[in-house]
N, C-alpha and C. Protein backbone atom coordinates (compact mmCIF):
# COMPACT_ATOMS: atom_id res chain seq x y z
N MET A 1 100.87 90.73 80.90
CA MET A 1 100.95 91.17 82.29
C MET A 1 102.10 90.43 82.98
N THR A 2 102.87 91.13 83.75
CA THR A 2 104.01 90.56 84.44
C THR A 2 103.55 89.86 85.71
N ASP A 3 104.23 88.77 86.03
CA ASP A 3 103.94 88.05 87.26
C ASP A 3 104.67 88.74 88.41
N TYR A 4 103.93 89.23 89.36
CA TYR A 4 104.52 89.97 90.48
C TYR A 4 104.47 89.17 91.78
N ALA A 5 104.38 87.84 91.69
CA ALA A 5 104.31 87.01 92.90
C ALA A 5 105.52 87.20 93.80
N VAL A 6 106.70 87.33 93.19
CA VAL A 6 107.92 87.53 93.99
C VAL A 6 107.83 88.85 94.76
N PHE A 7 107.31 89.88 94.11
CA PHE A 7 107.18 91.17 94.78
C PHE A 7 106.11 91.10 95.87
N GLU A 8 105.03 90.39 95.60
CA GLU A 8 103.98 90.26 96.61
C GLU A 8 104.54 89.57 97.86
N THR A 9 105.31 88.51 97.66
CA THR A 9 105.92 87.83 98.79
C THR A 9 106.84 88.77 99.55
N ARG A 10 107.67 89.50 98.83
CA ARG A 10 108.59 90.44 99.46
C ARG A 10 107.84 91.54 100.22
N LEU A 11 106.78 92.03 99.62
CA LEU A 11 105.98 93.06 100.28
C LEU A 11 105.36 92.53 101.57
N ARG A 12 104.86 91.32 101.54
CA ARG A 12 104.27 90.74 102.76
C ARG A 12 105.34 90.54 103.84
N GLU A 13 106.55 90.13 103.43
CA GLU A 13 107.64 90.00 104.40
C GLU A 13 108.02 91.36 104.99
N LEU A 14 108.10 92.37 104.15
CA LEU A 14 108.41 93.72 104.63
C LEU A 14 107.32 94.23 105.57
N ARG A 15 106.08 93.93 105.23
CA ARG A 15 104.96 94.37 106.08
C ARG A 15 105.07 93.72 107.46
N ASP A 16 105.36 92.42 107.48
CA ASP A 16 105.53 91.73 108.76
C ASP A 16 106.68 92.35 109.56
N GLU A 17 107.77 92.66 108.88
CA GLU A 17 108.93 93.27 109.53
C GLU A 17 108.56 94.64 110.12
N MET A 18 107.85 95.44 109.35
CA MET A 18 107.48 96.78 109.81
C MET A 18 106.48 96.71 110.97
N THR A 19 105.51 95.80 110.89
CA THR A 19 104.54 95.71 111.99
C THR A 19 105.21 95.18 113.26
N SER A 20 106.20 94.30 113.11
CA SER A 20 106.97 93.85 114.28
C SER A 20 107.73 95.01 114.89
N ARG A 21 108.30 95.85 114.02
CA ARG A 21 109.02 97.02 114.50
C ARG A 21 108.08 97.97 115.23
N ILE A 22 106.91 98.19 114.68
CA ILE A 22 105.92 99.06 115.32
C ILE A 22 105.54 98.51 116.70
N ASP A 23 105.30 97.19 116.77
CA ASP A 23 104.95 96.57 118.05
C ASP A 23 106.07 96.73 119.08
N ALA A 24 107.32 96.53 118.63
CA ALA A 24 108.46 96.66 119.55
C ALA A 24 108.60 98.09 120.05
N ILE A 25 108.43 99.04 119.16
CA ILE A 25 108.51 100.45 119.56
C ILE A 25 107.40 100.77 120.53
N ASP A 26 106.19 100.28 120.25
CA ASP A 26 105.05 100.52 121.12
C ASP A 26 105.32 99.99 122.53
N LYS A 27 105.88 98.79 122.61
CA LYS A 27 106.20 98.21 123.92
C LYS A 27 107.24 99.05 124.64
N ASP A 28 108.23 99.53 123.91
CA ASP A 28 109.28 100.33 124.53
C ASP A 28 108.74 101.67 125.00
N VAL A 29 107.90 102.29 124.20
CA VAL A 29 107.33 103.58 124.58
C VAL A 29 106.42 103.40 125.80
N ARG A 30 105.66 102.34 125.83
CA ARG A 30 104.80 102.09 127.00
C ARG A 30 105.65 101.87 128.25
N HIS A 31 106.76 101.20 128.10
CA HIS A 31 107.67 100.98 129.23
C HIS A 31 108.18 102.32 129.75
N ARG A 32 108.35 103.26 128.85
CA ARG A 32 108.86 104.58 129.23
C ARG A 32 107.83 105.36 130.05
N GLU A 33 106.58 104.90 130.03
CA GLU A 33 105.55 105.61 130.77
C GLU A 33 105.56 105.27 132.26
N GLU A 34 106.53 104.46 132.66
CA GLU A 34 106.70 104.19 134.07
C GLU A 34 107.19 105.46 134.74
N PRO A 35 107.33 105.45 136.04
CA PRO A 35 107.72 106.69 136.73
C PRO A 35 108.91 107.37 136.06
N VAL A 36 108.80 108.67 135.97
CA VAL A 36 109.85 109.48 135.36
C VAL A 36 111.07 109.49 136.28
N GLU A 37 112.23 109.44 135.66
CA GLU A 37 113.48 109.50 136.42
C GLU A 37 113.51 110.78 137.25
N LYS A 38 114.09 110.68 138.42
CA LYS A 38 114.21 111.86 139.28
C LYS A 38 115.31 112.79 138.79
N ASP A 39 116.32 112.21 138.16
CA ASP A 39 117.45 112.99 137.67
C ASP A 39 117.05 113.71 136.38
N PHE A 40 117.25 115.04 136.38
CA PHE A 40 116.85 115.86 135.23
C PHE A 40 117.55 115.41 133.95
N ALA A 41 118.84 115.09 134.03
CA ALA A 41 119.60 114.65 132.84
C ALA A 41 118.99 113.36 132.29
N GLU A 42 118.57 112.45 133.15
CA GLU A 42 117.91 111.22 132.70
C GLU A 42 116.56 111.51 132.06
N GLN A 43 115.84 112.48 132.59
CA GLN A 43 114.56 112.87 132.00
C GLN A 43 114.76 113.38 130.58
N VAL A 44 115.79 114.20 130.39
CA VAL A 44 116.09 114.74 129.07
C VAL A 44 116.44 113.60 128.11
N THR A 45 117.26 112.68 128.56
CA THR A 45 117.64 111.53 127.73
C THR A 45 116.42 110.70 127.37
N GLN A 46 115.54 110.43 128.35
CA GLN A 46 114.33 109.67 128.07
C GLN A 46 113.46 110.39 127.04
N GLY A 47 113.35 111.70 127.19
CA GLY A 47 112.55 112.47 126.24
C GLY A 47 113.12 112.40 124.83
N GLU A 48 114.43 112.50 124.72
CA GLU A 48 115.07 112.40 123.41
C GLU A 48 114.87 111.01 122.81
N ASN A 49 115.02 109.98 123.64
CA ASN A 49 114.80 108.61 123.16
C ASN A 49 113.36 108.42 122.67
N ASP A 50 112.43 108.96 123.43
CA ASP A 50 111.02 108.85 123.03
C ASP A 50 110.77 109.56 121.70
N ASP A 51 111.40 110.71 121.50
CA ASP A 51 111.25 111.44 120.24
C ASP A 51 111.76 110.60 119.06
N VAL A 52 112.91 109.96 119.25
CA VAL A 52 113.47 109.10 118.20
C VAL A 52 112.54 107.93 117.93
N LEU A 53 112.06 107.30 118.99
CA LEU A 53 111.15 106.16 118.83
C LEU A 53 109.87 106.56 118.11
N LYS A 54 109.33 107.70 118.45
CA LYS A 54 108.11 108.17 117.79
C LYS A 54 108.35 108.44 116.30
N SER A 55 109.51 108.98 115.99
CA SER A 55 109.85 109.22 114.60
C SER A 55 109.98 107.91 113.84
N LEU A 56 110.64 106.94 114.42
CA LEU A 56 110.77 105.62 113.80
C LEU A 56 109.42 104.94 113.64
N ASP A 57 108.57 105.10 114.63
CA ASP A 57 107.22 104.53 114.57
C ASP A 57 106.43 105.16 113.42
N ASN A 58 106.48 106.48 113.31
CA ASN A 58 105.76 107.16 112.23
C ASN A 58 106.27 106.70 110.87
N GLU A 59 107.58 106.59 110.72
CA GLU A 59 108.16 106.16 109.46
C GLU A 59 107.71 104.74 109.11
N ALA A 60 107.73 103.84 110.08
CA ALA A 60 107.30 102.46 109.85
C ALA A 60 105.82 102.40 109.47
N ARG A 61 104.99 103.22 110.09
CA ARG A 61 103.56 103.24 109.75
C ARG A 61 103.32 103.74 108.32
N VAL A 62 104.10 104.72 107.89
CA VAL A 62 104.00 105.21 106.52
C VAL A 62 104.38 104.10 105.54
N VAL A 63 105.45 103.39 105.84
CA VAL A 63 105.88 102.30 104.97
C VAL A 63 104.80 101.21 104.90
N VAL A 64 104.18 100.88 106.03
CA VAL A 64 103.10 99.88 106.02
C VAL A 64 101.95 100.35 105.12
N GLN A 65 101.61 101.62 105.19
CA GLN A 65 100.55 102.15 104.31
C GLN A 65 100.95 102.03 102.85
N GLN A 66 102.22 102.33 102.55
CA GLN A 66 102.69 102.22 101.17
C GLN A 66 102.70 100.77 100.71
N ILE A 67 103.05 99.86 101.59
CA ILE A 67 103.04 98.44 101.26
C ILE A 67 101.61 97.98 101.00
N ASP A 68 100.68 98.38 101.86
CA ASP A 68 99.28 98.01 101.65
C ASP A 68 98.76 98.52 100.31
N ALA A 69 99.15 99.74 99.96
CA ALA A 69 98.73 100.30 98.67
C ALA A 69 99.34 99.50 97.52
N ALA A 70 100.60 99.08 97.67
CA ALA A 70 101.26 98.28 96.62
C ALA A 70 100.57 96.93 96.47
N LEU A 71 100.18 96.32 97.58
CA LEU A 71 99.48 95.04 97.51
C LEU A 71 98.13 95.19 96.81
N LEU A 72 97.48 96.31 97.04
CA LEU A 72 96.21 96.59 96.33
C LEU A 72 96.46 96.78 94.84
N ARG A 73 97.57 97.44 94.49
CA ARG A 73 97.89 97.62 93.07
C ARG A 73 98.19 96.28 92.40
N ILE A 74 98.81 95.37 93.13
CA ILE A 74 99.04 94.03 92.57
C ILE A 74 97.69 93.37 92.30
N ARG A 75 96.80 93.48 93.26
CA ARG A 75 95.47 92.86 93.14
C ARG A 75 94.67 93.45 91.98
N ASP A 76 94.77 94.77 91.78
CA ASP A 76 93.95 95.38 90.72
C ASP A 76 94.67 95.51 89.38
N GLY A 77 95.91 95.00 89.34
CA GLY A 77 96.62 94.96 88.06
C GLY A 77 97.35 96.22 87.66
N THR A 78 97.54 97.15 88.58
CA THR A 78 98.25 98.39 88.25
C THR A 78 99.64 98.46 88.87
N TYR A 79 100.04 97.40 89.56
CA TYR A 79 101.38 97.38 90.17
C TYR A 79 102.43 97.43 89.07
N GLY A 80 103.47 98.19 89.32
CA GLY A 80 104.55 98.29 88.35
C GLY A 80 104.35 99.40 87.33
N LEU A 81 103.24 100.11 87.45
CA LEU A 81 102.99 101.27 86.58
C LEU A 81 103.07 102.54 87.42
N CYS A 82 103.77 103.53 86.89
CA CYS A 82 103.91 104.80 87.59
C CYS A 82 102.55 105.48 87.73
N ARG A 83 102.23 105.91 88.94
CA ARG A 83 100.93 106.57 89.16
C ARG A 83 100.90 107.98 88.59
N VAL A 84 102.08 108.52 88.24
CA VAL A 84 102.14 109.87 87.69
C VAL A 84 102.06 109.85 86.17
N CYS A 85 102.99 109.12 85.54
CA CYS A 85 103.06 109.15 84.07
C CYS A 85 102.45 107.92 83.41
N GLY A 86 102.19 106.87 84.18
CA GLY A 86 101.58 105.66 83.65
C GLY A 86 102.54 104.70 82.97
N GLU A 87 103.81 105.07 82.91
CA GLU A 87 104.82 104.21 82.29
C GLU A 87 105.24 103.10 83.27
N PRO A 88 105.78 102.00 82.75
CA PRO A 88 106.26 100.93 83.63
C PRO A 88 107.41 101.42 84.52
N ILE A 89 107.41 100.95 85.76
CA ILE A 89 108.49 101.23 86.69
C ILE A 89 109.56 100.17 86.45
N ALA A 90 110.81 100.61 86.36
CA ALA A 90 111.92 99.68 86.12
C ALA A 90 111.95 98.59 87.18
N ARG A 91 112.17 97.37 86.73
CA ARG A 91 112.23 96.22 87.64
C ARG A 91 113.27 96.45 88.74
N GLU A 92 114.39 97.06 88.39
CA GLU A 92 115.43 97.32 89.38
C GLU A 92 114.91 98.23 90.49
N ARG A 93 114.10 99.20 90.12
CA ARG A 93 113.53 100.11 91.13
C ARG A 93 112.55 99.34 92.03
N LEU A 94 111.74 98.49 91.42
CA LEU A 94 110.80 97.69 92.21
C LEU A 94 111.54 96.73 93.14
N GLU A 95 112.66 96.22 92.68
CA GLU A 95 113.45 95.34 93.53
C GLU A 95 114.04 96.10 94.71
N ALA A 96 114.43 97.34 94.49
CA ALA A 96 115.01 98.17 95.55
C ALA A 96 113.95 98.70 96.51
N VAL A 97 112.82 99.14 95.95
CA VAL A 97 111.73 99.73 96.75
C VAL A 97 110.42 99.13 96.23
N PRO A 98 110.08 97.93 96.67
CA PRO A 98 108.93 97.24 96.08
C PRO A 98 107.58 97.92 96.29
N TYR A 99 107.50 98.86 97.20
CA TYR A 99 106.24 99.56 97.45
C TYR A 99 106.17 100.90 96.72
N THR A 100 107.14 101.19 95.88
CA THR A 100 107.14 102.47 95.16
C THR A 100 105.94 102.55 94.21
N ALA A 101 105.44 103.73 94.04
CA ALA A 101 104.31 103.95 93.13
C ALA A 101 104.71 104.82 91.95
N THR A 102 105.99 105.22 91.89
CA THR A 102 106.42 106.10 90.81
C THR A 102 107.72 105.59 90.18
N CYS A 103 107.88 105.92 88.92
CA CYS A 103 109.14 105.60 88.23
C CYS A 103 110.21 106.56 88.76
N ILE A 104 111.44 106.26 88.45
CA ILE A 104 112.54 107.07 88.97
C ILE A 104 112.49 108.51 88.45
N ASP A 105 112.10 108.68 87.18
CA ASP A 105 112.03 110.03 86.62
C ASP A 105 111.00 110.89 87.35
N CYS A 106 109.82 110.33 87.59
CA CYS A 106 108.77 111.09 88.28
C CYS A 106 109.14 111.32 89.74
N ALA A 107 109.81 110.35 90.37
CA ALA A 107 110.24 110.52 91.76
C ALA A 107 111.28 111.63 91.87
N GLU A 108 112.22 111.66 90.92
CA GLU A 108 113.24 112.70 90.94
C GLU A 108 112.63 114.08 90.67
N GLN A 109 111.68 114.13 89.76
CA GLN A 109 111.02 115.39 89.47
C GLN A 109 110.25 115.90 90.70
N ALA A 110 109.56 115.02 91.38
CA ALA A 110 108.82 115.43 92.58
C ALA A 110 109.79 115.89 93.66
N SER A 111 110.92 115.21 93.80
CA SER A 111 111.92 115.60 94.79
C SER A 111 112.49 116.98 94.47
N ALA A 112 112.76 117.22 93.19
CA ALA A 112 113.30 118.52 92.77
C ALA A 112 112.28 119.63 93.05
N GLU A 113 111.02 119.35 92.80
CA GLU A 113 109.97 120.35 93.03
C GLU A 113 109.83 120.64 94.53
N ARG A 114 109.96 119.62 95.38
CA ARG A 114 109.91 119.85 96.82
C ARG A 114 111.10 120.69 97.26
N GLY A 115 112.24 120.48 96.62
CA GLY A 115 113.45 121.23 96.96
C GLY A 115 113.33 122.71 96.62
N ARG A 116 112.54 123.01 95.60
CA ARG A 116 112.35 124.42 95.21
C ARG A 116 111.31 125.11 96.06
N ALA A 117 110.48 124.35 96.71
CA ALA A 117 109.39 124.95 97.49
C ALA A 117 109.86 125.52 98.79
């Protein structure tokens, strides 16, 4: 069994970073709930900014879920194994995306299938 302590540390750091980002976005969005600008152009800009912030918030929350799942896989001994084919995930891929649950081949195949849909 491979020692994944380095990945666990990195995952915890990423989780802290993402939760800080979520908190910052939440504070900014709440600030936006103050009185709406009287100028229509400013209202449009605020709405667009809020849309971007909500998208970033959703993305960060998804990453936190993926990180939590990766930490569970470390705990149960399945980290580093592709959830699709069961083969080991390349260390380079884990270094690039430590919360990944699939090997590069399975990820590319899933992406290709989504592209055809």
